[in-house]
Amino acid sequence: MASLVLNVFDLEEPVRFYRDLLGLEVSHRTGTAALLISGEGSQLYLRSLSPYAEHMTGGIGVHCVIWTAPSAGELRRCE
């Protein structure tokens, strides 16, 4: 997995949780988003949404996942 975008209600608890659990480092942060990265380069984007916000993916939870593969052949194998 290269990147994951996760919609959350509040940034504080998820930032602490993923930082402590997975050893991710907070790379960038705004009032409504945080980017956490691993030593290998994987990225976790946390986006804070209001509990009442409408969102095309249904609100809180996984928004999108981006996978990577070392070659086109390996990507085809994973498909």
PDB file of N, CA and C in Angstrom:
ATOM      1  N   MET A   1       0.845  -1.167   0.000  1.00  0.00           N
ATOM      2  CA  MET A   1       0.000   0.000   0.000  1.00  0.00           C
ATOM      3  C   MET A   1       0.894   1.234   0.000  1.00  0.00           C
ATOM      4  N   ALA A   2       0.605   2.159  -0.882  1.00  0.00           N
ATOM      5  CA  ALA A   2       1.384   3.389  -0.952  1.00  0.00           C
ATOM      6  C   ALA A   2       0.742   4.494  -0.128  1.00  0.00           C
ATOM      7  N   SER A   3      -0.577   4.683  -0.306  1.00  0.00           N
ATOM      8  CA  SER A   3      -1.277   5.762   0.387  1.00  0.00           C
ATOM      9  C   SER A   3      -2.692   5.335   0.745  1.00  0.00           C
ATOM     10  N   LEU A   4      -3.173   5.885   1.847  1.00  0.00           N
ATOM     11  CA  LEU A   4      -4.542   5.664   2.283  1.00  0.00           C
ATOM     12  C   LEU A   4      -5.086   6.995   2.768  1.00  0.00           C
ATOM     13  N   VAL A   5      -6.302   7.333   2.328  1.00  0.00           N
ATOM     14  CA  VAL A   5      -6.978   8.534   2.809  1.00  0.00           C
ATOM     15  C   VAL A   5      -8.133   8.064   3.681  1.00  0.00           C
ATOM     16  N   LEU A   6      -8.134   8.519   4.922  1.00  0.00           N
ATOM     17  CA  LEU A   6      -9.131   8.096   5.898  1.00  0.00           C
ATOM     18  C   LEU A   6      -9.846   9.321   6.448  1.00  0.00           C
ATOM     19  N   ASN A   7     -11.170   9.338   6.324  1.00  0.00           N
ATOM     20  CA  ASN A   7     -11.970  10.421   6.885  1.00  0.00           C
ATOM     21  C   ASN A   7     -12.284  10.107   8.345  1.00  0.00           C
ATOM     22  N   VAL A   8     -12.085  11.083   9.219  1.00  0.00           N
ATOM     23  CA  VAL A   8     -12.297  10.918  10.655  1.00  0.00           C
ATOM     24  C   VAL A   8     -13.114  12.093  11.194  1.00  0.00           C
ATOM     25  N   PHE A   9     -13.681  11.941  12.390  1.00  0.00           N
ATOM     26  CA  PHE A   9     -14.402  13.048  13.016  1.00  0.00           C
ATOM     27  C   PHE A   9     -13.434  14.076  13.593  1.00  0.00           C
ATOM     28  N   ASP A  10     -12.440  13.596  14.304  1.00  0.00           N
ATOM     29  CA  ASP A  10     -11.515  14.465  15.027  1.00  0.00           C
ATOM     30  C   ASP A  10     -10.100  13.994  14.720  1.00  0.00           C
ATOM     31  N   LEU A  11      -9.155  14.886  14.559  1.00  0.00           N
ATOM     32  CA  LEU A  11      -7.788  14.491  14.213  1.00  0.00           C
ATOM     33  C   LEU A  11      -6.973  13.973  15.389  1.00  0.00           C
ATOM     34  N   GLU A  12      -7.176  14.521  16.569  1.00  0.00           N
ATOM     35  CA  GLU A  12      -6.277  14.242  17.693  1.00  0.00           C
ATOM     36  C   GLU A  12      -6.127  12.762  17.999  1.00  0.00           C
ATOM     37  N   GLU A  13      -7.230  12.080  18.230  1.00  0.00           N
ATOM     38  CA  GLU A  13      -7.163  10.670  18.617  1.00  0.00           C
ATOM     39  C   GLU A  13      -6.600   9.788  17.500  1.00  0.00           C
ATOM     40  N   PRO A  14      -7.077   9.913  16.247  1.00  0.00           N
ATOM     41  CA  PRO A  14      -6.496   9.080  15.187  1.00  0.00           C
ATOM     42  C   PRO A  14      -5.011   9.346  14.938  1.00  0.00           C
ATOM     43  N   VAL A  15      -4.582  10.597  15.028  1.00  0.00           N
ATOM     44  CA  VAL A  15      -3.153  10.892  14.854  1.00  0.00           C
ATOM     45  C   VAL A  15      -2.351  10.155  15.920  1.00  0.00           C
ATOM     46  N   ARG A  16      -2.753  10.252  17.169  1.00  0.00           N
ATOM     47  CA  ARG A  16      -2.048   9.539  18.249  1.00  0.00           C
ATOM     48  C   ARG A  16      -2.086   8.028  18.035  1.00  0.00           C
ATOM     49  N   PHE A  17      -3.273   7.507  17.691  1.00  0.00           N
ATOM     50  CA  PHE A  17      -3.448   6.067  17.520  1.00  0.00           C
ATOM     51  C   PHE A  17      -2.511   5.506  16.446  1.00  0.00           C
ATOM     52  N   TYR A  18      -2.530   6.088  15.248  1.00  0.00           N
ATOM     53  CA  TYR A  18      -1.711   5.560  14.160  1.00  0.00           C
ATOM     54  C   TYR A  18      -0.232   5.867  14.352  1.00  0.00           C
ATOM     55  N   ARG A  19       0.080   6.958  14.969  1.00  0.00           N
ATOM     56  CA  ARG A  19       1.483   7.272  15.273  1.00  0.00           C
ATOM     57  C   ARG A  19       2.037   6.231  16.236  1.00  0.00           C
ATOM     58  N   ASP A  20       1.307   5.956  17.311  1.00  0.00           N
ATOM     59  CA  ASP A  20       1.780   5.025  18.331  1.00  0.00           C
ATOM     60  C   ASP A  20       1.720   3.573  17.868  1.00  0.00           C
ATOM     61  N   LEU A  21       0.623   3.179  17.217  1.00  0.00           N
ATOM     62  CA  LEU A  21       0.435   1.786  16.808  1.00  0.00           C
ATOM     63  C   LEU A  21       1.374   1.389  15.679  1.00  0.00           C
ATOM     64  N   LEU A  22       1.470   2.224  14.658  1.00  0.00           N
ATOM     65  CA  LEU A  22       2.240   1.872  13.465  1.00  0.00           C
ATOM     66  C   LEU A  22       3.600   2.557  13.385  1.00  0.00           C
ATOM     67  N   GLY A  23       3.900   3.412  14.340  1.00  0.00           N
ATOM     68  CA  GLY A  23       5.179   4.106  14.328  1.00  0.00           C
ATOM     69  C   GLY A  23       5.292   5.138  13.216  1.00  0.00           C
ATOM     70  N   LEU A  24       4.152   5.698  12.809  1.00  0.00           N
ATOM     71  CA  LEU A  24       4.165   6.705  11.752  1.00  0.00           C
ATOM     72  C   LEU A  24       4.584   8.061  12.303  1.00  0.00           C
ATOM     73  N   GLU A  25       5.173   8.869  11.436  1.00  0.00           N
ATOM     74  CA  GLU A  25       5.604  10.213  11.815  1.00  0.00           C
ATOM     75  C   GLU A  25       4.679  11.238  11.177  1.00  0.00           C
ATOM     76  N   VAL A  26       4.281  12.250  11.949  1.00  0.00           N
ATOM     77  CA  VAL A  26       3.450  13.323  11.398  1.00  0.00           C
ATOM     78  C   VAL A  26       4.351  14.201  10.536  1.00  0.00           C
ATOM     79  N   SER A  27       4.065  14.224   9.236  1.00  0.00           N
ATOM     80  CA  SER A  27       4.867  14.982   8.291  1.00  0.00           C
ATOM     81  C   SER A  27       4.323  16.393   8.090  1.00  0.00           C
ATOM     82  N   HIS A  28       3.015  16.510   7.900  1.00  0.00           N
ATOM     83  CA  HIS A  28       2.344  17.802   7.712  1.00  0.00           C
ATOM     84  C   HIS A  28       1.023  17.767   8.456  1.00  0.00           C
ATOM     85  N   ARG A  29       0.581  18.960   8.864  1.00  0.00           N
ATOM     86  CA  ARG A  29      -0.685  19.032   9.579  1.00  0.00           C
ATOM     87  C   ARG A  29      -1.323  20.399   9.387  1.00  0.00           C
ATOM     88  N   THR A  30      -2.650  20.396   9.209  1.00  0.00           N
ATOM     89  CA  THR A  30      -3.425  21.630   9.172  1.00  0.00           C
ATOM     90  C   THR A  30      -4.522  21.476  10.212  1.00  0.00           C
ATOM     91  N   GLY A  31      -5.465  22.405  10.248  1.00  0.00           N
ATOM     92  CA  GLY A  31      -6.565  22.300  11.189  1.00  0.00           C
ATOM     93  C   GLY A  31      -7.536  21.179  10.867  1.00  0.00           C
ATOM     94  N   THR A  32      -7.545  20.722   9.606  1.00  0.00           N
ATOM     95  CA  THR A  32      -8.515  19.694   9.198  1.00  0.00           C
ATOM     96  C   THR A  32      -7.885  18.456   8.583  1.00  0.00           C
ATOM     97  N   ALA A  33      -6.562  18.377   8.537  1.00  0.00           N
ATOM     98  CA  ALA A  33      -5.921  17.216   7.915  1.00  0.00           C
ATOM     99  C   ALA A  33      -4.534  16.987   8.497  1.00  0.00           C
ATOM    100  N   ALA A  34      -4.090  15.730   8.399  1.00  0.00           N
ATOM    101  CA  ALA A  34      -2.745  15.374   8.832  1.00  0.00           C
ATOM    102  C   ALA A  34      -2.201  14.322   7.884  1.00  0.00           C
ATOM    103  N   LEU A  35      -0.917  14.402   7.573  1.00  0.00           N
ATOM    104  CA  LEU A  35      -0.226  13.407   6.764  1.00  0.00           C
ATOM    105  C   LEU A  35       0.771  12.704   7.666  1.00  0.00           C
ATOM    106  N   LEU A  36       0.619  11.390   7.787  1.00  0.00           N
ATOM    107  CA  LEU A  36       1.544  10.571   8.558  1.00  0.00           C
ATOM    108  C   LEU A  36       2.286   9.668   7.587  1.00  0.00           C
ATOM    109  N   ILE A  37       3.589   9.508   7.773  1.00  0.00           N
ATOM    110  CA  ILE A  37       4.384   8.699   6.857  1.00  0.00           C
ATOM    111  C   ILE A  37       5.182   7.649   7.629  1.00  0.00           C
ATOM    112  N   SER A  38       5.476   6.550   6.926  1.00  0.00           N
ATOM    113  CA  SER A  38       6.310   5.498   7.506  1.00  0.00           C
ATOM    114  C   SER A  38       7.741   5.686   7.030  1.00  0.00           C
ATOM    115  N   GLY A  39       8.658   4.985   7.640  1.00  0.00           N
ATOM    116  CA  GLY A  39      10.050   5.035   7.208  1.00  0.00           C
ATOM    117  C   GLY A  39      10.249   4.501   5.805  1.00  0.00           C
ATOM    118  N   GLU A  40       9.323   3.642   5.353  1.00  0.00           N
ATOM    119  CA  GLU A  40       9.403   3.069   4.009  1.00  0.00           C
ATOM    120  C   GLU A  40       8.710   3.940   2.965  1.00  0.00           C
ATOM    121  N   GLY A  41       8.044   5.018   3.407  1.00  0.00           N
ATOM    122  CA  GLY A  41       7.408   5.937   2.475  1.00  0.00           C
ATOM    123  C   GLY A  41       5.906   5.799   2.329  1.00  0.00           C
ATOM    124  N   SER A  42       5.278   4.850   3.026  1.00  0.00           N
ATOM    125  CA  SER A  42       3.819   4.752   2.975  1.00  0.00           C
ATOM    126  C   SER A  42       3.215   6.001   3.609  1.00  0.00           C
ATOM    127  N   GLN A  43       2.042   6.408   3.103  1.00  0.00           N
ATOM    128  CA  GLN A  43       1.405   7.633   3.560  1.00  0.00           C
ATOM    129  C   GLN A  43      -0.007   7.350   4.057  1.00  0.00           C
ATOM    130  N   LEU A  44      -0.351   7.964   5.180  1.00  0.00           N
ATOM    131  CA  LEU A  44      -1.712   7.922   5.709  1.00  0.00           C
ATOM    132  C   LEU A  44      -2.193   9.359   5.831  1.00  0.00           C
ATOM    133  N   TYR A  45      -3.229   9.692   5.065  1.00  0.00           N
ATOM    134  CA  TYR A  45      -3.843  11.014   5.119  1.00  0.00           C
ATOM    135  C   TYR A  45      -5.092  10.916   5.979  1.00  0.00           C
ATOM    136  N   LEU A  46      -5.167  11.702   7.029  1.00  0.00           N
ATOM    137  CA  LEU A  46      -6.352  11.772   7.877  1.00  0.00           C
ATOM    138  C   LEU A  46      -7.056  13.086   7.586  1.00  0.00           C
ATOM    139  N   ARG A  47      -8.343  13.009   7.242  1.00  0.00           N
ATOM    140  CA  ARG A  47      -9.137  14.205   6.929  1.00  0.00           C
ATOM    141  C   ARG A  47     -10.258  14.311   7.944  1.00  0.00           C
ATOM    142  N   SER A  48     -10.323  15.422   8.631  1.00  0.00           N
ATOM    143  CA  SER A  48     -11.356  15.639   9.637  1.00  0.00           C
ATOM    144  C   SER A  48     -12.622  16.169   8.990  1.00  0.00           C
ATOM    145  N   LEU A  49     -13.728  15.448   9.201  1.00  0.00           N
ATOM    146  CA  LEU A  49     -15.030  15.864   8.699  1.00  0.00           C
ATOM    147  C   LEU A  49     -15.950  16.109   9.874  1.00  0.00           C
ATOM    148  N   SER A  50     -16.847  17.015   9.726  1.00  0.00           N
ATOM    149  CA  SER A  50     -17.884  17.229  10.730  1.00  0.00           C
ATOM    150  C   SER A  50     -18.736  15.970  10.806  1.00  0.00           C
ATOM    151  N   PRO A  51     -19.262  15.641  11.975  1.00  0.00           N
ATOM    152  CA  PRO A  51     -20.156  14.484  12.068  1.00  0.00           C
ATOM    153  C   PRO A  51     -21.377  14.611  11.163  1.00  0.00           C
ATOM    154  N   TYR A  52     -21.685  15.829  10.746  1.00  0.00           N
ATOM    155  CA  TYR A  52     -22.867  16.066   9.911  1.00  0.00           C
ATOM    156  C   TYR A  52     -22.527  16.290   8.443  1.00  0.00           C
ATOM    157  N   ALA A  53     -21.234  16.177   8.106  1.00  0.00           N
ATOM    158  CA  ALA A  53     -20.823  16.443   6.730  1.00  0.00           C
ATOM    159  C   ALA A  53     -21.284  15.328   5.799  1.00  0.00           C
ATOM    160  N   GLU A  54     -21.816  15.735   4.666  1.00  0.00           N
ATOM    161  CA  GLU A  54     -22.143  14.760   3.641  1.00  0.00           C
ATOM    162  C   GLU A  54     -20.889  14.519   2.827  1.00  0.00           C
ATOM    163  N   HIS A  55     -20.692  13.283   2.437  1.00  0.00           N
ATOM    164  CA  HIS A  55     -19.519  12.942   1.663  1.00  0.00           C
ATOM    165  C   HIS A  55     -19.870  11.831   0.703  1.00  0.00           C
ATOM    166  N   MET A  56     -19.329  11.892  -0.503  1.00  0.00           N
ATOM    167  CA  MET A  56     -19.718  10.920  -1.519  1.00  0.00           C
ATOM    168  C   MET A  56     -19.333   9.490  -1.159  1.00  0.00           C
ATOM    169  N   THR A  57     -18.392   9.299  -0.257  1.00  0.00           N
ATOM    170  CA  THR A  57     -18.034   7.940   0.141  1.00  0.00           C
ATOM    171  C   THR A  57     -18.801   7.499   1.374  1.00  0.00           C
ATOM    172  N   GLY A  58     -19.756   8.297   1.819  1.00  0.00           N
ATOM    173  CA  GLY A  58     -20.577   7.889   2.946  1.00  0.00           C
ATOM    174  C   GLY A  58     -20.119   8.426   4.277  1.00  0.00           C
ATOM    175  N   GLY A  59     -19.143   9.307   4.310  1.00  0.00           N
ATOM    176  CA  GLY A  59     -18.737   9.926   5.564  1.00  0.00           C
ATOM    177  C   GLY A  59     -17.435   9.371   6.108  1.00  0.00           C
ATOM    178  N   ILE A  60     -17.465   8.960   7.347  1.00  0.00           N
ATOM    179  CA  ILE A  60     -16.268   8.532   8.055  1.00  0.00           C
ATOM    180  C   ILE A  60     -15.809   7.167   7.542  1.00  0.00           C
ATOM    181  N   GLY A  61     -14.503   6.994   7.476  1.00  0.00           N
ATOM    182  CA  GLY A  61     -13.926   5.722   7.036  1.00  0.00           C
ATOM    183  C   GLY A  61     -12.990   5.917   5.860  1.00  0.00           C
ATOM    184  N   VAL A  62     -12.679   4.821   5.194  1.00  0.00           N
ATOM    185  CA  VAL A  62     -11.731   4.851   4.079  1.00  0.00           C
ATOM    186  C   VAL A  62     -12.323   5.630   2.913  1.00  0.00           C
ATOM    187  N   HIS A  63     -11.566   6.596   2.451  1.00  0.00           N
ATOM    188  CA  HIS A  63     -11.964   7.391   1.282  1.00  0.00           C
ATOM    189  C   HIS A  63     -11.361   6.775   0.024  1.00  0.00           C
ATOM    190  N   CYS A  64     -10.058   6.489   0.047  1.00  0.00           N
ATOM    191  CA  CYS A  64      -9.417   5.825  -1.090  1.00  0.00           C
ATOM    192  C   CYS A  64      -8.111   5.175  -0.647  1.00  0.00           C
ATOM    193  N   VAL A  65      -7.693   4.196  -1.429  1.00  0.00           N
ATOM    194  CA  VAL A  65      -6.446   3.471  -1.187  1.00  0.00           C
ATOM    195  C   VAL A  65      -5.662   3.455  -2.490  1.00  0.00           C
ATOM    196  N   ILE A  66      -4.374   3.709  -2.401  1.00  0.00           N
ATOM    197  CA  ILE A  66      -3.506   3.678  -3.573  1.00  0.00           C
ATOM    198  C   ILE A  66      -2.451   2.597  -3.340  1.00  0.00           C
ATOM    199  N   TRP A  67      -2.416   1.638  -4.245  1.00  0.00           N
ATOM    200  CA  TRP A  67      -1.461   0.531  -4.158  1.00  0.00           C
ATOM    201  C   TRP A  67      -0.324   0.775  -5.127  1.00  0.00           C
ATOM    202  N   THR A  68       0.804   0.146  -4.865  1.00  0.00           N
ATOM    203  CA  THR A  68       1.948   0.238  -5.755  1.00  0.00           C
ATOM    204  C   THR A  68       2.513  -1.158  -5.957  1.00  0.00           C
ATOM    205  N   ALA A  69       3.213  -1.355  -7.065  1.00  0.00           N
ATOM    206  CA  ALA A  69       3.852  -2.637  -7.364  1.00  0.00           C
ATOM    207  C   ALA A  69       5.209  -2.352  -7.991  1.00  0.00           C
ATOM    208  N   PRO A  70       6.164  -3.248  -7.811  1.00  0.00           N
ATOM    209  CA  PRO A  70       7.517  -2.989  -8.326  1.00  0.00           C
ATOM    210  C   PRO A  70       7.644  -3.081  -9.845  1.00  0.00           C
ATOM    211  N   SER A  71       6.633  -3.672 -10.513  1.00  0.00           N
ATOM    212  CA  SER A  71       6.703  -3.791 -11.972  1.00  0.00           C
ATOM    213  C   SER A  71       5.294  -3.929 -12.540  1.00  0.00           C
ATOM    214  N   ALA A  72       5.175  -3.717 -13.854  1.00  0.00           N
ATOM    215  CA  ALA A  72       3.874  -3.875 -14.510  1.00  0.00           C
ATOM    216  C   ALA A  72       3.413  -5.332 -14.407  1.00  0.00           C
ATOM    217  N   GLY A  73       4.332  -6.276 -14.527  1.00  0.00           N
ATOM    218  CA  GLY A  73       3.971  -7.679 -14.415  1.00  0.00           C
ATOM    219  C   GLY A  73       3.429  -8.022 -13.037  1.00  0.00           C
ATOM    220  N   GLU A  74       4.036  -7.493 -12.012  1.00  0.00           N
ATOM    221  CA  GLU A  74       3.567  -7.739 -10.645  1.00  0.00           C
ATOM    222  C   GLU A  74       2.205  -7.078 -10.409  1.00  0.00           C
ATOM    223  N   LEU A  75       1.997  -5.917 -10.986  1.00  0.00           N
ATOM    224  CA  LEU A  75       0.693  -5.258 -10.872  1.00  0.00           C
ATOM    225  C   LEU A  75      -0.401  -6.102 -11.547  1.00  0.00           C
ATOM    226  N   ARG A  76      -0.113  -6.646 -12.722  1.00  0.00           N
ATOM    227  CA  ARG A  76      -1.069  -7.520 -13.405  1.00  0.00           C
ATOM    228  C   ARG A  76      -1.352  -8.769 -12.571  1.00  0.00           C
ATOM    229  N   ARG A  77      -0.340  -9.329 -11.946  1.00  0.00           N
ATOM    230  CA  ARG A  77      -0.514 -10.498 -11.097  1.00  0.00           C
ATOM    231  C   ARG A  77      -1.442 -10.176  -9.929  1.00  0.00           C
ATOM    232  N   CYS A  78      -1.292  -8.996  -9.339  1.00  0.00           N
ATOM    233  CA  CYS A  78      -2.127  -8.599  -8.202  1.00  0.00           C
ATOM    234  C   CYS A  78      -3.561  -8.314  -8.612  1.00  0.00           C
ATOM    235  N   GLU A  79      -3.756  -7.866  -9.861  1.00  0.00           N
ATOM    236  CA  GLU A  79      -5.102  -7.596 -10.332  1.00  0.00           C
ATOM    237  C   GLU A  79      -5.924  -8.869 -10.320  1.00  0.00           C
TER     238      GLU A  79
END
